[in-house]
Amino acid sequence: MARIGIFFGTDTGRTRLVAKQIAKKLGEDAAAPANIGRTTLDEFLAYDALILGSPTLGDGELPGQSVGLAQPSWEEFLPLLADCYLAGKVVAIFGLGDQKNTRKNSSTPSASSTMPWSRAAPGPSATGPDCVKTVNENR
């Protein structure tokens, strides 16, 4: 089994294309990218390293059906992680941005601030910032 899981949310397909490019660069260490809207929790947790991709959406909204996406995305998946123990997982996050509109919205939260481990309370079941690393830190 590949060591790295690549998961993405997309509406137009651009984030999927970037996820595929990342997988190609990583070679056999990476699994084929998977749409988070079609991913089970068991599939997601099966990897020691995760690369997570998200599109830019509106004024910093989390991508999902409540903001007009045609299919489930991160908004629907993230609640599944609420009780998961993610310590020890290596996580990298990438986002696609619209340079023209992103500059106007520079005060919007980053993707990492909407991920559950960035808000975890300290303690043995928290994931803490030490598990949020880039894949390159372990090479």
C-alpha atoms as a PDB file:
ATOM      1  CA  MET A   1       0.000   0.000   0.000  1.00  0.00           C
ATOM      2  CA  ALA A   2       1.135   3.551  -0.737  1.00  0.00           C
ATOM      3  CA  ARG A   3       2.328   5.537   2.281  1.00  0.00           C
ATOM      4  CA  ILE A   4       0.760   8.846   1.256  1.00  0.00           C
ATOM      5  CA  GLY A   5      -2.949   9.502   0.777  1.00  0.00           C
ATOM      6  CA  ILE A   6      -3.938  12.457  -1.362  1.00  0.00           C
ATOM      7  CA  PHE A   7      -7.436  13.820  -0.841  1.00  0.00           C
ATOM      8  CA  PHE A   8      -9.047  16.804  -2.491  1.00  0.00           C
ATOM      9  CA  GLY A   9     -12.287  18.716  -2.647  1.00  0.00           C
ATOM     10  CA  THR A  10     -13.198  20.292  -5.959  1.00  0.00           C
ATOM     11  CA  ASP A  11     -16.001  21.946  -7.834  1.00  0.00           C
ATOM     12  CA  THR A  12     -14.455  22.822 -11.182  1.00  0.00           C
ATOM     13  CA  GLY A  13     -11.850  20.022 -11.298  1.00  0.00           C
ATOM     14  CA  ARG A  14      -8.767  22.224 -10.889  1.00  0.00           C
ATOM     15  CA  THR A  15      -7.912  20.944  -7.408  1.00  0.00           C
ATOM     16  CA  ARG A  16      -8.205  17.383  -8.732  1.00  0.00           C
ATOM     17  CA  LEU A  17      -5.731  18.191 -11.510  1.00  0.00           C
ATOM     18  CA  VAL A  18      -3.201  19.591  -9.034  1.00  0.00           C
ATOM     19  CA  ALA A  19      -3.673  16.542  -6.777  1.00  0.00           C
ATOM     20  CA  LYS A  20      -2.912  14.308  -9.768  1.00  0.00           C
ATOM     21  CA  GLN A  21       0.240  16.316 -10.523  1.00  0.00           C
ATOM     22  CA  ILE A  22       1.403  15.938  -6.918  1.00  0.00           C
ATOM     23  CA  ALA A  23       0.752  12.178  -7.042  1.00  0.00           C
ATOM     24  CA  LYS A  24       2.726  11.881 -10.258  1.00  0.00           C
ATOM     25  CA  LYS A  25       5.707  13.696  -8.708  1.00  0.00           C
ATOM     26  CA  LEU A  26       5.625  11.450  -5.617  1.00  0.00           C
ATOM     27  CA  GLY A  27       5.448   8.268  -7.676  1.00  0.00           C
ATOM     28  CA  GLU A  28       4.633   4.943  -6.059  1.00  0.00           C
ATOM     29  CA  ASP A  29       4.788   6.399  -2.530  1.00  0.00           C
ATOM     30  CA  ALA A  30       1.446   8.101  -3.183  1.00  0.00           C
ATOM     31  CA  ALA A  31      -1.974   6.571  -3.727  1.00  0.00           C
ATOM     32  CA  ALA A  32      -4.181   7.806  -6.532  1.00  0.00           C
ATOM     33  CA  PRO A  33      -5.844  11.062  -5.457  1.00  0.00           C
ATOM     34  CA  ALA A  34      -9.341  10.647  -4.025  1.00  0.00           C
ATOM     35  CA  ASN A  35     -12.241  13.067  -3.941  1.00  0.00           C
ATOM     36  CA  ILE A  36     -12.997  13.718  -0.262  1.00  0.00           C
ATOM     37  CA  GLY A  37     -16.717  13.722  -1.046  1.00  0.00           C
ATOM     38  CA  ARG A  38     -16.465  10.057  -2.040  1.00  0.00           C
ATOM     39  CA  THR A  39     -14.017   8.960   0.673  1.00  0.00           C
ATOM     40  CA  THR A  40     -14.818   6.901   3.759  1.00  0.00           C
ATOM     41  CA  LEU A  41     -13.253   7.647   7.107  1.00  0.00           C
ATOM     42  CA  ASP A  42     -11.459   4.277   7.050  1.00  0.00           C
ATOM     43  CA  GLU A  43      -9.923   5.069   3.659  1.00  0.00           C
ATOM     44  CA  PHE A  44      -8.749   8.457   4.926  1.00  0.00           C
ATOM     45  CA  LEU A  45      -7.233   7.122   8.148  1.00  0.00           C
ATOM     46  CA  ALA A  46      -5.396   4.267   6.416  1.00  0.00           C
ATOM     47  CA  TYR A  47      -2.417   6.503   5.548  1.00  0.00           C
ATOM     48  CA  ASP A  48       0.419   7.733   7.744  1.00  0.00           C
ATOM     49  CA  ALA A  49       0.865  10.834   5.592  1.00  0.00           C
ATOM     50  CA  LEU A  50      -1.922  12.930   4.119  1.00  0.00           C
ATOM     51  CA  ILE A  51      -1.915  15.614   1.453  1.00  0.00           C
ATOM     52  CA  LEU A  52      -5.159  17.569   1.526  1.00  0.00           C
ATOM     53  CA  GLY A  53      -6.303  19.927  -1.215  1.00  0.00           C
ATOM     54  CA  SER A  54      -9.041  22.509  -1.246  1.00  0.00           C
ATOM     55  CA  PRO A  55     -10.245  25.112  -3.703  1.00  0.00           C
ATOM     56  CA  THR A  56     -10.665  28.760  -2.845  1.00  0.00           C
ATOM     57  CA  LEU A  57     -14.290  29.484  -2.169  1.00  0.00           C
ATOM     58  CA  GLY A  58     -16.027  32.803  -1.702  1.00  0.00           C
ATOM     59  CA  ASP A  59     -14.910  34.772   1.314  1.00  0.00           C
ATOM     60  CA  GLY A  60     -13.148  31.925   3.112  1.00  0.00           C
ATOM     61  CA  GLU A  61     -16.055  29.485   3.340  1.00  0.00           C
ATOM     62  CA  LEU A  62     -15.360  25.804   3.780  1.00  0.00           C
ATOM     63  CA  PRO A  63     -16.181  24.027   0.488  1.00  0.00           C
ATOM     64  CA  GLY A  64     -19.386  22.011   0.681  1.00  0.00           C
ATOM     65  CA  GLN A  65     -22.966  21.711  -0.423  1.00  0.00           C
ATOM     66  CA  SER A  66     -24.254  24.490   1.841  1.00  0.00           C
ATOM     67  CA  VAL A  67     -22.279  27.029  -0.203  1.00  0.00           C
ATOM     68  CA  GLY A  68     -23.433  25.732  -3.553  1.00  0.00           C
ATOM     69  CA  LEU A  69     -21.061  22.911  -4.480  1.00  0.00           C
ATOM     70  CA  ALA A  70     -22.749  20.185  -6.494  1.00  0.00           C
ATOM     71  CA  GLN A  71     -21.235  17.363  -4.441  1.00  0.00           C
ATOM     72  CA  PRO A  72     -20.096  16.769  -0.845  1.00  0.00           C
ATOM     73  CA  SER A  73     -16.669  18.135   0.041  1.00  0.00           C
ATOM     74  CA  TRP A  74     -14.640  19.128   3.112  1.00  0.00           C
ATOM     75  CA  GLU A  75     -17.637  20.663   4.883  1.00  0.00           C
ATOM     76  CA  GLU A  76     -19.344  17.281   4.960  1.00  0.00           C
ATOM     77  CA  PHE A  77     -16.208  15.227   5.686  1.00  0.00           C
ATOM     78  CA  LEU A  78     -14.512  17.211   8.476  1.00  0.00           C
ATOM     79  CA  PRO A  79     -17.168  16.444  11.119  1.00  0.00           C
ATOM     80  CA  LEU A  80     -16.252  12.760  10.726  1.00  0.00           C
ATOM     81  CA  LEU A  81     -12.785  13.596  12.086  1.00  0.00           C
ATOM     82  CA  ALA A  82     -14.089  15.176  15.304  1.00  0.00           C
ATOM     83  CA  ASP A  83     -13.413  12.079  17.432  1.00  0.00           C
ATOM     84  CA  CYS A  84     -10.409  10.773  15.510  1.00  0.00           C
ATOM     85  CA  TYR A  85      -6.940  10.514  16.948  1.00  0.00           C
ATOM     86  CA  LEU A  86      -4.618  11.939  14.294  1.00  0.00           C
ATOM     87  CA  ALA A  87      -1.393  12.212  16.288  1.00  0.00           C
ATOM     88  CA  GLY A  88       1.550  10.839  14.370  1.00  0.00           C
ATOM     89  CA  LYS A  89       0.026  11.588  10.983  1.00  0.00           C
ATOM     90  CA  VAL A  90       2.019  13.849   8.725  1.00  0.00           C
ATOM     91  CA  VAL A  91      -0.257  16.374   7.040  1.00  0.00           C
ATOM     92  CA  ALA A  92       0.337  18.797   4.180  1.00  0.00           C
ATOM     93  CA  ILE A  93      -2.346  21.143   2.938  1.00  0.00           C
ATOM     94  CA  PHE A  94      -2.519  22.810  -0.452  1.00  0.00           C
ATOM     95  CA  GLY A  95      -5.071  25.262  -1.718  1.00  0.00           C
ATOM     96  CA  LEU A  96      -5.823  26.772  -5.045  1.00  0.00           C
ATOM     97  CA  GLY A  97      -6.374  30.485  -5.070  1.00  0.00           C
ATOM     98  CA  ASP A  98      -7.771  33.096  -7.330  1.00  0.00           C
ATOM     99  CA  GLN A  99      -5.048  35.742  -7.261  1.00  0.00           C
ATOM    100  CA  LYS A 100      -7.375  38.482  -8.427  1.00  0.00           C
ATOM    101  CA  ASN A 101      -9.958  37.900  -5.693  1.00  0.00           C
ATOM    102  CA  THR A 102      -7.698  36.430  -2.996  1.00  0.00           C
ATOM    103  CA  ARG A 103      -5.834  39.733  -2.620  1.00  0.00           C
ATOM    104  CA  LYS A 104      -9.128  41.427  -1.773  1.00  0.00           C
ATOM    105  CA  ASN A 105      -9.849  38.786   0.877  1.00  0.00           C
ATOM    106  CA  SER A 106      -6.428  38.540   2.496  1.00  0.00           C
ATOM    107  CA  SER A 107      -7.944  38.586   5.980  1.00  0.00           C
ATOM    108  CA  THR A 108      -9.926  35.378   5.410  1.00  0.00           C
ATOM    109  CA  PRO A 109      -8.886  32.313   7.438  1.00  0.00           C
ATOM    110  CA  SER A 110      -6.395  29.923   5.935  1.00  0.00           C
ATOM    111  CA  ALA A 111      -7.420  26.366   5.126  1.00  0.00           C
ATOM    112  CA  SER A 112      -5.413  25.096   8.086  1.00  0.00           C
ATOM    113  CA  SER A 113      -7.438  27.209  10.514  1.00  0.00           C
ATOM    114  CA  THR A 114     -10.607  25.370   9.462  1.00  0.00           C
ATOM    115  CA  MET A 115      -9.104  21.916   9.973  1.00  0.00           C
ATOM    116  CA  PRO A 116     -10.019  20.253  13.262  1.00  0.00           C
ATOM    117  CA  TRP A 117      -6.461  19.569  14.425  1.00  0.00           C
ATOM    118  CA  SER A 118      -5.625  23.278  14.318  1.00  0.00           C
ATOM    119  CA  ARG A 119      -8.221  23.831  17.060  1.00  0.00           C
ATOM    120  CA  ALA A 120      -7.462  20.734  19.140  1.00  0.00           C
ATOM    121  CA  ALA A 121      -7.171  21.195  22.874  1.00  0.00           C
ATOM    122  CA  PRO A 122      -3.980  19.935  24.526  1.00  0.00           C
ATOM    123  CA  GLY A 123      -4.092  16.440  25.925  1.00  0.00           C
ATOM    124  CA  PRO A 124      -3.507  12.831  24.983  1.00  0.00           C
ATOM    125  CA  SER A 125      -6.323  12.710  22.435  1.00  0.00           C
ATOM    126  CA  ALA A 126      -5.501  16.039  20.817  1.00  0.00           C
ATOM    127  CA  THR A 127      -3.633  16.108  17.572  1.00  0.00           C
ATOM    128  CA  GLY A 128      -1.730  19.299  18.266  1.00  0.00           C
ATOM    129  CA  PRO A 129       0.516  21.251  15.944  1.00  0.00           C
ATOM    130  CA  ASP A 130       3.287  18.646  16.054  1.00  0.00           C
ATOM    131  CA  CYS A 131       1.295  16.385  13.707  1.00  0.00           C
ATOM    132  CA  VAL A 132       0.739  19.151  11.158  1.00  0.00           C
ATOM    133  CA  LYS A 133       3.943  18.964   9.151  1.00  0.00           C
ATOM    134  CA  THR A 134       4.775  18.896   5.523  1.00  0.00           C
ATOM    135  CA  VAL A 135       5.714  15.640   3.838  1.00  0.00           C
ATOM    136  CA  ASN A 136       9.206  17.000   3.095  1.00  0.00           C
ATOM    137  CA  GLU A 137      10.045  17.307   6.796  1.00  0.00           C
ATOM    138  CA  ASN A 138      10.192  13.506   7.046  1.00  0.00           C
ATOM    139  CA  ARG A 139      12.484  12.963   4.058  1.00  0.00           C
END
